[in-house]
Every structure is written in structure tokens, then in C-alpha cells.
């Protein structure tokens, strides 16, 4: 299984969330790169973030981000 560019963008966004604070979200502005805007919209449609422009992680989003961030720590050590 290969990782598509779209999935890579989504994974990169999920690694940017600060899991230590549920009060911290991400805002993707309309001036951001089109692929970043599209990735955040896909995460929203998948139920991982609460707004089309980022916002806060949902319960499912928190779980996904935890797994991704742990995998990144393991793979980059």
C-alpha cells in the first residue's frame, strides 16, 4: 500500500495538533496552499475535525492524531 499525496497532507495536518490541550485548534486560512485547504476539508468530511477550515479535533480526530503522532515518534527516533 502506497501513501497518496492527499493522505500525506492529511497526516501532516493531524501531526500539527497539540494533543496536550483540547482548547487549541488549527485555522487554515483561505490564502493557504490549495492542497492544505483541500486536506482540511477532507478531514472535516471524515469527521476528524469540527470545521471545514480546521477548528478542533473531534473524538475520532483525537484518537487518529494520537496514533499518528506516536507513530511519528517511533519512526523518527
Protein backbone atom coordinates (compact mmCIF):
# COMPACT_ATOMS: atom_id res chain seq x y z
CA UNK A 1 0.00 0.00 0.00
CA UNK A 2 1.43 3.35 -1.01
CA UNK A 3 0.57 6.64 0.61
CA UNK A 4 -1.04 9.17 -1.71
CA UNK A 5 -0.16 12.86 -1.68
CA UNK A 6 -3.66 13.59 -0.34
CA UNK A 7 -3.24 11.21 2.60
CA UNK A 8 0.22 12.63 3.31
CA UNK A 9 -1.29 16.13 3.58
CA UNK A 10 -3.97 14.87 5.96
CA UNK A 11 -1.39 13.11 8.13
CA UNK A 12 0.75 16.25 8.22
CA UNK A 13 -2.21 18.29 9.45
CA UNK A 14 -3.01 15.78 12.19
CA UNK A 15 0.59 15.93 13.43
CA UNK A 16 0.26 19.70 13.95
CA UNK A 17 -2.43 19.43 16.60
CA UNK A 18 -1.30 19.91 20.19
CA UNK A 19 -2.81 16.91 21.97
CA UNK A 20 -1.86 18.32 25.38
CA UNK A 21 -4.60 20.94 25.06
CA UNK A 22 -8.13 20.32 23.80
CA UNK A 23 -8.50 24.13 23.75
CA UNK A 24 -6.01 24.50 20.91
CA UNK A 25 -7.26 24.17 17.35
CA UNK A 26 -5.93 24.93 13.90
CA UNK A 27 -7.20 27.56 11.49
CA UNK A 28 -6.38 27.12 7.80
CA UNK A 29 -6.82 30.47 6.07
CA UNK A 30 -8.19 30.89 2.56
CA UNK A 31 -4.72 32.06 1.48
CA UNK A 32 -3.12 28.72 2.40
CA UNK A 33 -1.91 26.31 -0.26
CA UNK A 34 -4.85 24.74 -2.11
CA UNK A 35 -3.74 21.22 -1.20
CA UNK A 36 -3.74 22.16 2.50
CA UNK A 37 -7.23 23.64 2.26
CA UNK A 38 -8.46 20.52 0.45
CA UNK A 39 -6.86 18.23 3.05
CA UNK A 40 -8.58 20.01 5.93
CA UNK A 41 -11.91 19.79 4.12
CA UNK A 42 -11.38 16.04 3.68
CA UNK A 43 -10.59 15.66 7.39
CA UNK A 44 -13.82 17.51 8.15
CA UNK A 45 -15.84 15.28 5.83
CA UNK A 46 -14.30 12.23 7.53
CA UNK A 47 -15.40 13.55 10.92
CA UNK A 48 -11.90 14.19 12.29
CA UNK A 49 -12.14 17.98 12.67
CA UNK A 50 -15.18 20.06 13.55
CA UNK A 51 -14.84 22.83 10.93
CA UNK A 52 -14.07 22.88 7.20
CA UNK A 53 -11.16 25.24 7.87
CA UNK A 54 -9.70 23.15 10.69
CA UNK A 55 -11.01 24.01 14.10
CA UNK A 56 -10.80 21.41 16.84
CA UNK A 57 -10.29 17.68 16.65
CA UNK A 58 -13.37 15.55 17.21
CA UNK A 59 -13.18 12.48 19.46
CA UNK A 60 -12.28 10.39 16.41
CA UNK A 61 -9.77 13.03 15.34
CA UNK A 62 -8.06 12.95 18.72
CA UNK A 63 -7.73 9.19 18.51
CA UNK A 64 -6.33 9.36 14.98
CA UNK A 65 -3.90 12.17 15.85
CA UNK A 66 -2.66 10.25 18.91
CA UNK A 67 -1.87 7.20 16.80
CA UNK A 68 -0.22 9.22 14.05
CA UNK A 69 1.86 11.29 16.45
CA UNK A 70 3.02 8.17 18.32
CA UNK A 71 3.95 6.51 15.04
CA UNK A 72 5.95 9.59 14.04
CA UNK A 73 7.88 9.47 17.32
CA UNK A 74 8.69 5.79 16.81
CA UNK A 75 9.68 6.19 13.18
CA UNK A 76 11.83 9.29 13.64
CA UNK A 77 13.86 8.05 16.61
